[in-house]
Amino acid sequence: MARPEGLDNDHPRKHVNNLEGLPLRMRSAHYGLLENFPAFALAAALSQLLAPNNREVVNLLGFHIIAKLFVYYPCYLFGISLPRTFSHVAATAAVINVCWKLAAGAH
């Protein structure tokens, strides 16, 4: 946990607010993914109900996952800001695009 004393196994969350370095980046990247998950889950559920065979909607949802897991997360871990920002914006735009297409009546 980037602490000289190491992890207190009896109270593992005791020092979460004092994280630094890679452990902090890993925790922050994880929370970055969790913050976008509700919107993705809603878009995926709605697309399954309203347009299960629409390839464009499925591709946008797949793009969101690829952008978040294979670009955003590693860039966050290694501190590479520009691709991380672009992948976050693109992934969020993909989810918004899915919702927009579903609202417009995609089948």
PDB file of N, CA and C in Angstrom:
ATOM      1  N   MET A   1       0.807  -1.201   0.000  1.00  0.00           N
ATOM      2  CA  MET A   1       0.000   0.000   0.000  1.00  0.00           C
ATOM      3  C   MET A   1       0.845   1.257   0.000  1.00  0.00           C
ATOM      4  N   ALA A   2       2.045   1.176  -0.450  1.00  0.00           N
ATOM      5  CA  ALA A   2       2.941   2.331  -0.521  1.00  0.00           C
ATOM      6  C   ALA A   2       3.153   2.964   0.849  1.00  0.00           C
ATOM      7  N   ARG A   3       3.130   2.151   1.865  1.00  0.00           N
ATOM      8  CA  ARG A   3       3.380   2.614   3.224  1.00  0.00           C
ATOM      9  C   ARG A   3       4.565   1.847   3.778  1.00  0.00           C
ATOM     10  N   PRO A   4       5.439   2.500   4.507  1.00  0.00           N
ATOM     11  CA  PRO A   4       6.600   1.797   5.064  1.00  0.00           C
ATOM     12  C   PRO A   4       6.202   0.635   5.978  1.00  0.00           C
ATOM     13  N   GLU A   5       5.099   0.797   6.708  1.00  0.00           N
ATOM     14  CA  GLU A   5       4.654  -0.255   7.619  1.00  0.00           C
ATOM     15  C   GLU A   5       3.920  -1.378   6.907  1.00  0.00           C
ATOM     16  N   GLY A   6       3.505  -1.155   5.658  1.00  0.00           N
ATOM     17  CA  GLY A   6       2.747  -2.149   4.922  1.00  0.00           C
ATOM     18  C   GLY A   6       1.264  -2.073   5.245  1.00  0.00           C
ATOM     19  N   LEU A   7       0.548  -3.094   4.848  1.00  0.00           N
ATOM     20  CA  LEU A   7      -0.902  -3.157   5.024  1.00  0.00           C
ATOM     21  C   LEU A   7      -1.241  -3.717   6.396  1.00  0.00           C
ATOM     22  N   ASP A   8      -2.137  -3.051   7.088  1.00  0.00           N
ATOM     23  CA  ASP A   8      -2.658  -3.556   8.357  1.00  0.00           C
ATOM     24  C   ASP A   8      -3.784  -4.521   8.009  1.00  0.00           C
ATOM     25  N   ASN A   9      -3.500  -5.798   8.078  1.00  0.00           N
ATOM     26  CA  ASN A   9      -4.456  -6.808   7.647  1.00  0.00           C
ATOM     27  C   ASN A   9      -5.683  -6.878   8.542  1.00  0.00           C
ATOM     28  N   ASP A  10      -5.571  -6.422   9.778  1.00  0.00           N
ATOM     29  CA  ASP A  10      -6.730  -6.418  10.665  1.00  0.00           C
ATOM     30  C   ASP A  10      -7.711  -5.310  10.299  1.00  0.00           C
ATOM     31  N   HIS A  11      -7.195  -4.227   9.750  1.00  0.00           N
ATOM     32  CA  HIS A  11      -8.028  -3.081   9.348  1.00  0.00           C
ATOM     33  C   HIS A  11      -7.568  -2.609   7.965  1.00  0.00           C
ATOM     34  N   PRO A  12      -7.898  -3.343   6.903  1.00  0.00           N
ATOM     35  CA  PRO A  12      -7.333  -3.038   5.582  1.00  0.00           C
ATOM     36  C   PRO A  12      -7.772  -1.703   4.996  1.00  0.00           C
ATOM     37  N   ARG A  13      -8.877  -1.146   5.429  1.00  0.00           N
ATOM     38  CA  ARG A  13      -9.334   0.126   4.866  1.00  0.00           C
ATOM     39  C   ARG A  13      -8.977   1.329   5.735  1.00  0.00           C
ATOM     40  N   LYS A  14      -8.227   1.070   6.769  1.00  0.00           N
ATOM     41  CA  LYS A  14      -7.883   2.119   7.727  1.00  0.00           C
ATOM     42  C   LYS A  14      -7.064   3.244   7.088  1.00  0.00           C
ATOM     43  N   HIS A  15      -6.181   2.903   6.180  1.00  0.00           N
ATOM     44  CA  HIS A  15      -5.255   3.887   5.616  1.00  0.00           C
ATOM     45  C   HIS A  15      -5.552   4.221   4.161  1.00  0.00           C
ATOM     46  N   VAL A  16      -6.763   3.987   3.725  1.00  0.00           N
ATOM     47  CA  VAL A  16      -7.114   4.237   2.323  1.00  0.00           C
ATOM     48  C   VAL A  16      -6.917   5.697   1.945  1.00  0.00           C
ATOM     49  N   ASN A  17      -7.196   6.597   2.845  1.00  0.00           N
ATOM     50  CA  ASN A  17      -7.050   8.026   2.533  1.00  0.00           C
ATOM     51  C   ASN A  17      -5.609   8.495   2.514  1.00  0.00           C
ATOM     52  N   ASN A  18      -4.676   7.631   2.917  1.00  0.00           N
ATOM     53  CA  ASN A  18      -3.261   7.995   2.931  1.00  0.00           C
ATOM     54  C   ASN A  18      -2.474   7.309   1.824  1.00  0.00           C
ATOM     55  N   LEU A  19      -3.156   6.776   0.832  1.00  0.00           N
ATOM     56  CA  LEU A  19      -2.472   6.075  -0.254  1.00  0.00           C
ATOM     57  C   LEU A  19      -1.671   7.052  -1.098  1.00  0.00           C
ATOM     58  N   GLU A  20      -0.592   6.550  -1.663  1.00  0.00           N
ATOM     59  CA  GLU A  20       0.228   7.320  -2.599  1.00  0.00           C
ATOM     60  C   GLU A  20       0.742   6.383  -3.673  1.00  0.00           C
ATOM     61  N   GLY A  21       1.210   6.962  -4.765  1.00  0.00           N
ATOM     62  CA  GLY A  21       1.843   6.168  -5.812  1.00  0.00           C
ATOM     63  C   GLY A  21       0.888   5.242  -6.535  1.00  0.00           C
ATOM     64  N   LEU A  22       1.383   4.074  -6.921  1.00  0.00           N
ATOM     65  CA  LEU A  22       0.597   3.119  -7.704  1.00  0.00           C
ATOM     66  C   LEU A  22      -0.674   2.661  -6.993  1.00  0.00           C
ATOM     67  N   PRO A  23      -0.651   2.365  -5.686  1.00  0.00           N
ATOM     68  CA  PRO A  23      -1.903   1.975  -5.040  1.00  0.00           C
ATOM     69  C   PRO A  23      -2.990   3.046  -5.150  1.00  0.00           C
ATOM     70  N   LEU A  24      -2.617   4.305  -5.026  1.00  0.00           N
ATOM     71  CA  LEU A  24      -3.595   5.383  -5.180  1.00  0.00           C
ATOM     72  C   LEU A  24      -4.115   5.433  -6.610  1.00  0.00           C
ATOM     73  N   ARG A  25      -3.231   5.276  -7.591  1.00  0.00           N
ATOM     74  CA  ARG A  25      -3.651   5.307  -8.991  1.00  0.00           C
ATOM     75  C   ARG A  25      -4.577   4.139  -9.297  1.00  0.00           C
ATOM     76  N   MET A  26      -4.274   2.959  -8.743  1.00  0.00           N
ATOM     77  CA  MET A  26      -5.123   1.786  -8.965  1.00  0.00           C
ATOM     78  C   MET A  26      -6.509   1.990  -8.361  1.00  0.00           C
ATOM     79  N   ARG A  27      -6.553   2.532  -7.166  1.00  0.00           N
ATOM     80  CA  ARG A  27      -7.846   2.791  -6.518  1.00  0.00           C
ATOM     81  C   ARG A  27      -8.624   3.855  -7.291  1.00  0.00           C
ATOM     82  N   SER A  28      -7.949   4.902  -7.713  1.00  0.00           N
ATOM     83  CA  SER A  28      -8.612   5.975  -8.457  1.00  0.00           C
ATOM     84  C   SER A  28      -9.117   5.481  -9.805  1.00  0.00           C
ATOM     85  N   ALA A  29      -8.331   4.658 -10.490  1.00  0.00           N
ATOM     86  CA  ALA A  29      -8.767   4.105 -11.775  1.00  0.00           C
ATOM     87  C   ALA A  29      -9.987   3.224 -11.589  1.00  0.00           C
ATOM     88  N   HIS A  30      -9.986   2.443 -10.528  1.00  0.00           N
ATOM     89  CA  HIS A  30     -11.128   1.571 -10.240  1.00  0.00           C
ATOM     90  C   HIS A  30     -12.383   2.399 -10.005  1.00  0.00           C
ATOM     91  N   TYR A  31     -12.265   3.448  -9.201  1.00  0.00           N
ATOM     92  CA  TYR A  31     -13.417   4.303  -8.957  1.00  0.00           C
ATOM     93  C   TYR A  31     -13.845   5.047 -10.220  1.00  0.00           C
ATOM     94  N   GLY A  32     -12.907   5.370 -11.086  1.00  0.00           N
ATOM     95  CA  GLY A  32     -13.257   5.988 -12.364  1.00  0.00           C
ATOM     96  C   GLY A  32     -14.132   5.069 -13.210  1.00  0.00           C
ATOM     97  N   LEU A  33     -13.848   3.778 -13.174  1.00  0.00           N
ATOM     98  CA  LEU A  33     -14.681   2.817 -13.894  1.00  0.00           C
ATOM     99  C   LEU A  33     -16.043   2.669 -13.225  1.00  0.00           C
ATOM    100  N   LEU A  34     -16.048   2.612 -11.899  1.00  0.00           N
ATOM    101  CA  LEU A  34     -17.308   2.449 -11.177  1.00  0.00           C
ATOM    102  C   LEU A  34     -18.256   3.633 -11.372  1.00  0.00           C
ATOM    103  N   GLU A  35     -17.704   4.821 -11.521  1.00  0.00           N
ATOM    104  CA  GLU A  35     -18.548   6.002 -11.692  1.00  0.00           C
ATOM    105  C   GLU A  35     -19.307   5.974 -13.010  1.00  0.00           C
ATOM    106  N   ASN A  36     -18.746   5.353 -14.031  1.00  0.00           N
ATOM    107  CA  ASN A  36     -19.415   5.297 -15.330  1.00  0.00           C
ATOM    108  C   ASN A  36     -20.280   4.052 -15.491  1.00  0.00           C
ATOM    109  N   PHE A  37     -20.136   3.092 -14.610  1.00  0.00           N
ATOM    110  CA  PHE A  37     -20.854   1.840 -14.803  1.00  0.00           C
ATOM    111  C   PHE A  37     -22.374   1.986 -14.791  1.00  0.00           C
ATOM    112  N   PRO A  38     -22.983   2.780 -13.908  1.00  0.00           N
ATOM    113  CA  PRO A  38     -24.449   2.879 -13.943  1.00  0.00           C
ATOM    114  C   PRO A  38     -24.995   3.349 -15.289  1.00  0.00           C
ATOM    115  N   ALA A  39     -24.365   4.336 -15.893  1.00  0.00           N
ATOM    116  CA  ALA A  39     -24.831   4.815 -17.201  1.00  0.00           C
ATOM    117  C   ALA A  39     -24.674   3.732 -18.253  1.00  0.00           C
ATOM    118  N   PHE A  40     -23.536   3.025 -18.236  1.00  0.00           N
ATOM    119  CA  PHE A  40     -23.327   1.937 -19.186  1.00  0.00           C
ATOM    120  C   PHE A  40     -24.355   0.831 -18.965  1.00  0.00           C
ATOM    121  N   ALA A  41     -24.586   0.454 -17.719  1.00  0.00           N
ATOM    122  CA  ALA A  41     -25.534  -0.627 -17.421  1.00  0.00           C
ATOM    123  C   ALA A  41     -26.943  -0.260 -17.878  1.00  0.00           C
ATOM    124  N   LEU A  42     -27.340   0.989 -17.660  1.00  0.00           N
ATOM    125  CA  LEU A  42     -28.654   1.442 -18.106  1.00  0.00           C
ATOM    126  C   LEU A  42     -28.748   1.396 -19.625  1.00  0.00           C
ATOM    127  N   ALA A  43     -27.732   1.898 -20.313  1.00  0.00           N
ATOM    128  CA  ALA A  43     -27.733   1.883 -21.780  1.00  0.00           C
ATOM    129  C   ALA A  43     -27.746   0.445 -22.307  1.00  0.00           C
ATOM    130  N   ALA A  44     -26.990  -0.438 -21.688  1.00  0.00           N
ATOM    131  CA  ALA A  44     -26.957  -1.837 -22.137  1.00  0.00           C
ATOM    132  C   ALA A  44     -28.299  -2.516 -21.901  1.00  0.00           C
ATOM    133  N   ALA A  45     -28.902  -2.275 -20.751  1.00  0.00           N
ATOM    134  CA  ALA A  45     -30.202  -2.886 -20.458  1.00  0.00           C
ATOM    135  C   ALA A  45     -31.281  -2.366 -21.409  1.00  0.00           C
ATOM    136  N   LEU A  46     -31.294  -1.064 -21.633  1.00  0.00           N
ATOM    137  CA  LEU A  46     -32.280  -0.494 -22.552  1.00  0.00           C
ATOM    138  C   LEU A  46     -32.069  -0.984 -23.981  1.00  0.00           C
ATOM    139  N   SER A  47     -30.822  -1.117 -24.386  1.00  0.00           N
ATOM    140  CA  SER A  47     -30.573  -1.598 -25.746  1.00  0.00           C
ATOM    141  C   SER A  47     -30.996  -3.055 -25.888  1.00  0.00           C
ATOM    142  N   GLN A  48     -30.867  -3.835 -24.841  1.00  0.00           N
ATOM    143  CA  GLN A  48     -31.318  -5.229 -24.899  1.00  0.00           C
ATOM    144  C   GLN A  48     -32.836  -5.302 -25.007  1.00  0.00           C
ATOM    145  N   LEU A  49     -33.524  -4.374 -24.356  1.00  0.00           N
ATOM    146  CA  LEU A  49     -34.989  -4.362 -24.409  1.00  0.00           C
ATOM    147  C   LEU A  49     -35.520  -3.762 -25.710  1.00  0.00           C
ATOM    148  N   LEU A  50     -34.920  -2.648 -26.143  1.00  0.00           N
ATOM    149  CA  LEU A  50     -35.493  -1.887 -27.249  1.00  0.00           C
ATOM    150  C   LEU A  50     -34.888  -2.206 -28.613  1.00  0.00           C
ATOM    151  N   ALA A  51     -33.629  -2.570 -28.656  1.00  0.00           N
ATOM    152  CA  ALA A  51     -32.961  -2.797 -29.945  1.00  0.00           C
ATOM    153  C   ALA A  51     -31.905  -3.901 -29.815  1.00  0.00           C
ATOM    154  N   PRO A  52     -32.331  -5.131 -29.517  1.00  0.00           N
ATOM    155  CA  PRO A  52     -31.343  -6.188 -29.278  1.00  0.00           C
ATOM    156  C   PRO A  52     -30.536  -6.586 -30.509  1.00  0.00           C
ATOM    157  N   ASN A  53     -31.043  -6.328 -31.692  1.00  0.00           N
ATOM    158  CA  ASN A  53     -30.347  -6.733 -32.916  1.00  0.00           C
ATOM    159  C   ASN A  53     -29.711  -5.569 -33.669  1.00  0.00           C
ATOM    160  N   ASN A  54     -29.681  -4.402 -33.074  1.00  0.00           N
ATOM    161  CA  ASN A  54     -29.106  -3.234 -33.727  1.00  0.00           C
ATOM    162  C   ASN A  54     -27.586  -3.282 -33.582  1.00  0.00           C
ATOM    163  N   ARG A  55     -26.903  -3.510 -34.692  1.00  0.00           N
ATOM    164  CA  ARG A  55     -25.447  -3.656 -34.653  1.00  0.00           C
ATOM    165  C   ARG A  55     -24.732  -2.383 -34.238  1.00  0.00           C
ATOM    166  N   GLU A  56     -25.260  -1.245 -34.650  1.00  0.00           N
ATOM    167  CA  GLU A  56     -24.612   0.021 -34.304  1.00  0.00           C
ATOM    168  C   GLU A  56     -24.625   0.247 -32.792  1.00  0.00           C
ATOM    169  N   VAL A  57     -25.749  -0.043 -32.159  1.00  0.00           N
ATOM    170  CA  VAL A  57     -25.859   0.116 -30.711  1.00  0.00           C
ATOM    171  C   VAL A  57     -24.922  -0.860 -29.999  1.00  0.00           C
ATOM    172  N   VAL A  58     -24.895  -2.095 -30.447  1.00  0.00           N
ATOM    173  CA  VAL A  58     -24.012  -3.103 -29.840  1.00  0.00           C
ATOM    174  C   VAL A  58     -22.548  -2.707 -30.025  1.00  0.00           C
ATOM    175  N   ASN A  59     -22.198  -2.207 -31.206  1.00  0.00           N
ATOM    176  CA  ASN A  59     -20.823  -1.773 -31.454  1.00  0.00           C
ATOM    177  C   ASN A  59     -20.434  -0.590 -30.576  1.00  0.00           C
ATOM    178  N   LEU A  60     -21.352   0.343 -30.360  1.00  0.00           N
ATOM    179  CA  LEU A  60     -21.057   1.479 -29.487  1.00  0.00           C
ATOM    180  C   LEU A  60     -20.836   1.018 -28.048  1.00  0.00           C
ATOM    181  N   LEU A  61     -21.634   0.064 -27.589  1.00  0.00           N
ATOM    182  CA  LEU A  61     -21.438  -0.461 -26.237  1.00  0.00           C
ATOM    183  C   LEU A  61     -20.099  -1.197 -26.135  1.00  0.00           C
ATOM    184  N   GLY A  62     -19.754  -1.939 -27.165  1.00  0.00           N
ATOM    185  CA  GLY A  62     -18.459  -2.620 -27.197  1.00  0.00           C
ATOM    186  C   GLY A  62     -17.310  -1.631 -27.230  1.00  0.00           C
ATOM    187  N   PHE A  63     -17.472  -0.573 -27.996  1.00  0.00           N
ATOM    188  CA  PHE A  63     -16.445   0.469 -28.044  1.00  0.00           C
ATOM    189  C   PHE A  63     -16.244   1.087 -26.664  1.00  0.00           C
ATOM    190  N   HIS A  64     -17.344   1.308 -25.958  1.00  0.00           N
ATOM    191  CA  HIS A  64     -17.244   1.866 -24.604  1.00  0.00           C
ATOM    192  C   HIS A  64     -16.382   0.969 -23.717  1.00  0.00           C
ATOM    193  N   ILE A  65     -16.618  -0.321 -23.767  1.00  0.00           N
ATOM    194  CA  ILE A  65     -15.850  -1.254 -22.935  1.00  0.00           C
ATOM    195  C   ILE A  65     -14.381  -1.265 -23.337  1.00  0.00           C
ATOM    196  N   ILE A  66     -14.108  -1.302 -24.629  1.00  0.00           N
ATOM    197  CA  ILE A  66     -12.720  -1.323 -25.088  1.00  0.00           C
ATOM    198  C   ILE A  66     -12.005  -0.031 -24.686  1.00  0.00           C
ATOM    199  N   ALA A  67     -12.670   1.104 -24.880  1.00  0.00           N
ATOM    200  CA  ALA A  67     -12.048   2.389 -24.534  1.00  0.00           C
ATOM    201  C   ALA A  67     -11.775   2.494 -23.039  1.00  0.00           C
ATOM    202  N   LYS A  68     -12.692   2.016 -22.233  1.00  0.00           N
ATOM    203  CA  LYS A  68     -12.517   2.132 -20.785  1.00  0.00           C
ATOM    204  C   LYS A  68     -11.501   1.137 -20.244  1.00  0.00           C
ATOM    205  N   LEU A  69     -11.602  -0.131 -20.658  1.00  0.00           N
ATOM    206  CA  LEU A  69     -10.743  -1.155 -20.059  1.00  0.00           C
ATOM    207  C   LEU A  69      -9.357  -1.249 -20.678  1.00  0.00           C
ATOM    208  N   PHE A  70      -9.243  -0.983 -21.959  1.00  0.00           N
ATOM    209  CA  PHE A  70      -7.958  -1.180 -22.624  1.00  0.00           C
ATOM    210  C   PHE A  70      -7.189   0.104 -22.902  1.00  0.00           C
ATOM    211  N   VAL A  71      -7.833   1.261 -22.732  1.00  0.00           N
ATOM    212  CA  VAL A  71      -7.135   2.536 -22.922  1.00  0.00           C
ATOM    213  C   VAL A  71      -7.171   3.345 -21.626  1.00  0.00           C
ATOM    214  N   TYR A  72      -8.366   3.648 -21.139  1.00  0.00           N
ATOM    215  CA  TYR A  72      -8.522   4.501 -19.959  1.00  0.00           C
ATOM    216  C   TYR A  72      -7.805   3.925 -18.741  1.00  0.00           C
ATOM    217  N   TYR A  73      -8.080   2.675 -18.417  1.00  0.00           N
ATOM    218  CA  TYR A  73      -7.537   2.079 -17.191  1.00  0.00           C
ATOM    219  C   TYR A  73      -6.001   2.007 -17.204  1.00  0.00           C
ATOM    220  N   PRO A  74      -5.383   1.448 -18.255  1.00  0.00           N
ATOM    221  CA  PRO A  74      -3.911   1.431 -18.255  1.00  0.00           C
ATOM    222  C   PRO A  74      -3.300   2.831 -18.269  1.00  0.00           C
ATOM    223  N   CYS A  75      -3.909   3.749 -19.022  1.00  0.00           N
ATOM    224  CA  CYS A  75      -3.380   5.119 -19.046  1.00  0.00           C
ATOM    225  C   CYS A  75      -3.487   5.766 -17.674  1.00  0.00           C
ATOM    226  N   TYR A  76      -4.537   5.460 -16.944  1.00  0.00           N
ATOM    227  CA  TYR A  76      -4.675   5.989 -15.592  1.00  0.00           C
ATOM    228  C   TYR A  76      -3.577   5.422 -14.692  1.00  0.00           C
ATOM    229  N   LEU A  77      -3.324   4.123 -14.805  1.00  0.00           N
ATOM    230  CA  LEU A  77      -2.301   3.491 -13.966  1.00  0.00           C
ATOM    231  C   LEU A  77      -0.914   4.062 -14.224  1.00  0.00           C
ATOM    232  N   PHE A  78      -0.606   4.330 -15.491  1.00  0.00           N
ATOM    233  CA  PHE A  78       0.726   4.799 -15.850  1.00  0.00           C
ATOM    234  C   PHE A  78       0.841   6.323 -15.902  1.00  0.00           C
ATOM    235  N   GLY A  79      -0.245   7.027 -15.614  1.00  0.00           N
ATOM    236  CA  GLY A  79      -0.205   8.485 -15.559  1.00  0.00           C
ATOM    237  C   GLY A  79      -0.078   9.154 -16.913  1.00  0.00           C
ATOM    238  N   ILE A  80      -0.704   8.577 -17.933  1.00  0.00           N
ATOM    239  CA  ILE A  80      -0.673   9.156 -19.278  1.00  0.00           C
ATOM    240  C   ILE A  80      -1.998   9.903 -19.475  1.00  0.00           C
ATOM    241  N   SER A  81      -1.964  11.198 -19.367  1.00  0.00           N
ATOM    242  CA  SER A  81      -3.189  11.990 -19.263  1.00  0.00           C
ATOM    243  C   SER A  81      -3.982  12.139 -20.557  1.00  0.00           C
ATOM    244  N   LEU A  82      -3.327  12.483 -21.640  1.00  0.00           N
ATOM    245  CA  LEU A  82      -4.058  12.814 -22.867  1.00  0.00           C
ATOM    246  C   LEU A  82      -4.869  11.643 -23.426  1.00  0.00           C
ATOM    247  N   PRO A  83      -4.288  10.454 -23.628  1.00  0.00           N
ATOM    248  CA  PRO A  83      -5.116   9.337 -24.108  1.00  0.00           C
ATOM    249  C   PRO A  83      -6.201   8.941 -23.114  1.00  0.00           C
ATOM    250  N   ARG A  84      -5.899   9.078 -21.829  1.00  0.00           N
ATOM    251  CA  ARG A  84      -6.904   8.767 -20.811  1.00  0.00           C
ATOM    252  C   ARG A  84      -8.108   9.686 -20.955  1.00  0.00           C
ATOM    253  N   THR A  85      -7.860  10.967 -21.142  1.00  0.00           N
ATOM    254  CA  THR A  85      -8.951  11.926 -21.292  1.00  0.00           C
ATOM    255  C   THR A  85      -9.754  11.643 -22.552  1.00  0.00           C
ATOM    256  N   PHE A  86      -9.061  11.405 -23.666  1.00  0.00           N
ATOM    257  CA  PHE A  86      -9.768  11.131 -24.917  1.00  0.00           C
ATOM    258  C   PHE A  86     -10.582   9.842 -24.836  1.00  0.00           C
ATOM    259  N   SER A  87     -10.032   8.815 -24.212  1.00  0.00           N
ATOM    260  CA  SER A  87     -10.781   7.556 -24.109  1.00  0.00           C
ATOM    261  C   SER A  87     -11.988   7.722 -23.202  1.00  0.00           C
ATOM    262  N   HIS A  88     -11.856   8.500 -22.147  1.00  0.00           N
ATOM    263  CA  HIS A  88     -12.997   8.740 -21.261  1.00  0.00           C
ATOM    264  C   HIS A  88     -14.102   9.496 -21.993  1.00  0.00           C
ATOM    265  N   VAL A  89     -13.716  10.534 -22.706  1.00  0.00           N
ATOM    266  CA  VAL A  89     -14.704  11.319 -23.445  1.00  0.00           C
ATOM    267  C   VAL A  89     -15.361  10.468 -24.537  1.00  0.00           C
ATOM    268  N   ALA A  90     -14.568   9.684 -25.257  1.00  0.00           N
ATOM    269  CA  ALA A  90     -15.120   8.837 -26.320  1.00  0.00           C
ATOM    270  C   ALA A  90     -16.037   7.765 -25.759  1.00  0.00           C
ATOM    271  N   ALA A  91     -15.649   7.149 -24.646  1.00  0.00           N
ATOM    272  CA  ALA A  91     -16.486   6.105 -24.045  1.00  0.00           C
ATOM    273  C   ALA A  91     -17.793   6.690 -23.528  1.00  0.00           C
ATOM    274  N   THR A  92     -17.726   7.847 -22.904  1.00  0.00           N
ATOM    275  CA  THR A  92     -18.937   8.497 -22.412  1.00  0.00           C
ATOM    276  C   THR A  92     -19.821   8.930 -23.575  1.00  0.00           C
ATOM    277  N   ALA A  93     -19.212   9.438 -24.624  1.00  0.00           N
ATOM    278  CA  ALA A  93     -19.979   9.826 -25.812  1.00  0.00           C
ATOM    279  C   ALA A  93     -20.662   8.616 -26.446  1.00  0.00           C
ATOM    280  N   ALA A  94     -20.010   7.465 -26.411  1.00  0.00           N
ATOM    281  CA  ALA A  94     -20.620   6.246 -26.968  1.00  0.00           C
ATOM    282  C   ALA A  94     -21.877   5.878 -26.192  1.00  0.00           C
ATOM    283  N   VAL A  95     -21.833   5.970 -24.871  1.00  0.00           N
ATOM    284  CA  VAL A  95     -23.008   5.650 -24.060  1.00  0.00           C
ATOM    285  C   VAL A  95     -24.121   6.673 -24.314  1.00  0.00           C
ATOM    286  N   ILE A  96     -23.764   7.935 -24.398  1.00  0.00           N
ATOM    287  CA  ILE A  96     -24.775   8.965 -24.696  1.00  0.00           C
ATOM    288  C   ILE A  96     -25.365   8.730 -26.077  1.00  0.00           C
ATOM    289  N   ASN A  97     -24.528   8.360 -27.033  1.00  0.00           N
ATOM    290  CA  ASN A  97     -24.996   8.072 -28.386  1.00  0.00           C
ATOM    291  C   ASN A  97     -25.967   6.897 -28.397  1.00  0.00           C
ATOM    292  N   VAL A  98     -25.679   5.859 -27.621  1.00  0.00           N
ATOM    293  CA  VAL A  98     -26.592   4.713 -27.520  1.00  0.00           C
ATOM    294  C   VAL A  98     -27.940   5.174 -26.988  1.00  0.00           C
ATOM    295  N   CYS A  99     -27.926   5.956 -25.915  1.00  0.00           N
ATOM    296  CA  CYS A  99     -29.189   6.433 -25.349  1.00  0.00           C
ATOM    297  C   CYS A  99     -29.944   7.319 -26.329  1.00  0.00           C
ATOM    298  N   TRP A 100     -29.214   8.138 -27.058  1.00  0.00           N
ATOM    299  CA  TRP A 100     -29.836   9.011 -28.059  1.00  0.00           C
ATOM    300  C   TRP A 100     -30.488   8.179 -29.163  1.00  0.00           C
ATOM    301  N   LYS A 101     -29.786   7.164 -29.648  1.00  0.00           N
ATOM    302  CA  LYS A 101     -30.334   6.314 -30.703  1.00  0.00           C
ATOM    303  C   LYS A 101     -31.566   5.554 -30.214  1.00  0.00           C
ATOM    304  N   LEU A 102     -31.530   5.084 -28.979  1.00  0.00           N
ATOM    305  CA  LEU A 102     -32.673   4.378 -28.434  1.00  0.00           C
ATOM    306  C   LEU A 102     -33.866   5.316 -28.256  1.00  0.00           C
ATOM    307  N   ALA A 103     -33.614   6.536 -27.836  1.00  0.00           N
ATOM    308  CA  ALA A 103     -34.692   7.524 -27.686  1.00  0.00           C
ATOM    309  C   ALA A 103     -35.285   7.896 -29.042  1.00  0.00           C
ATOM    310  N   ALA A 104     -34.443   7.870 -30.079  1.00  0.00           N
ATOM    311  CA  ALA A 104     -34.909   8.219 -31.425  1.00  0.00           C
ATOM    312  C   ALA A 104     -35.646   7.056 -32.086  1.00  0.00           C
ATOM    313  N   GLY A 105     -35.646   5.908 -31.444  1.00  0.00           N
ATOM    314  CA  GLY A 105     -36.414   4.780 -31.968  1.00  0.00           C
ATOM    315  C   GLY A 105     -35.614   3.747 -32.717  1.00  0.00           C
ATOM    316  N   ALA A 106     -34.377   3.520 -32.332  1.00  0.00           N
ATOM    317  CA  ALA A 106     -33.580   2.465 -32.979  1.00  0.00           C
ATOM    318  C   ALA A 106     -34.223   1.112 -32.727  1.00  0.00           C
ATOM    319  N   HIS A 107     -34.162   0.266 -33.755  1.00  0.00           N
ATOM    320  CA  HIS A 107     -34.766  -1.082 -33.642  1.00  0.00           C
ATOM    321  C   HIS A 107     -33.701  -2.122 -33.755  1.00  0.00           C
TER     322      HIS A 107
END
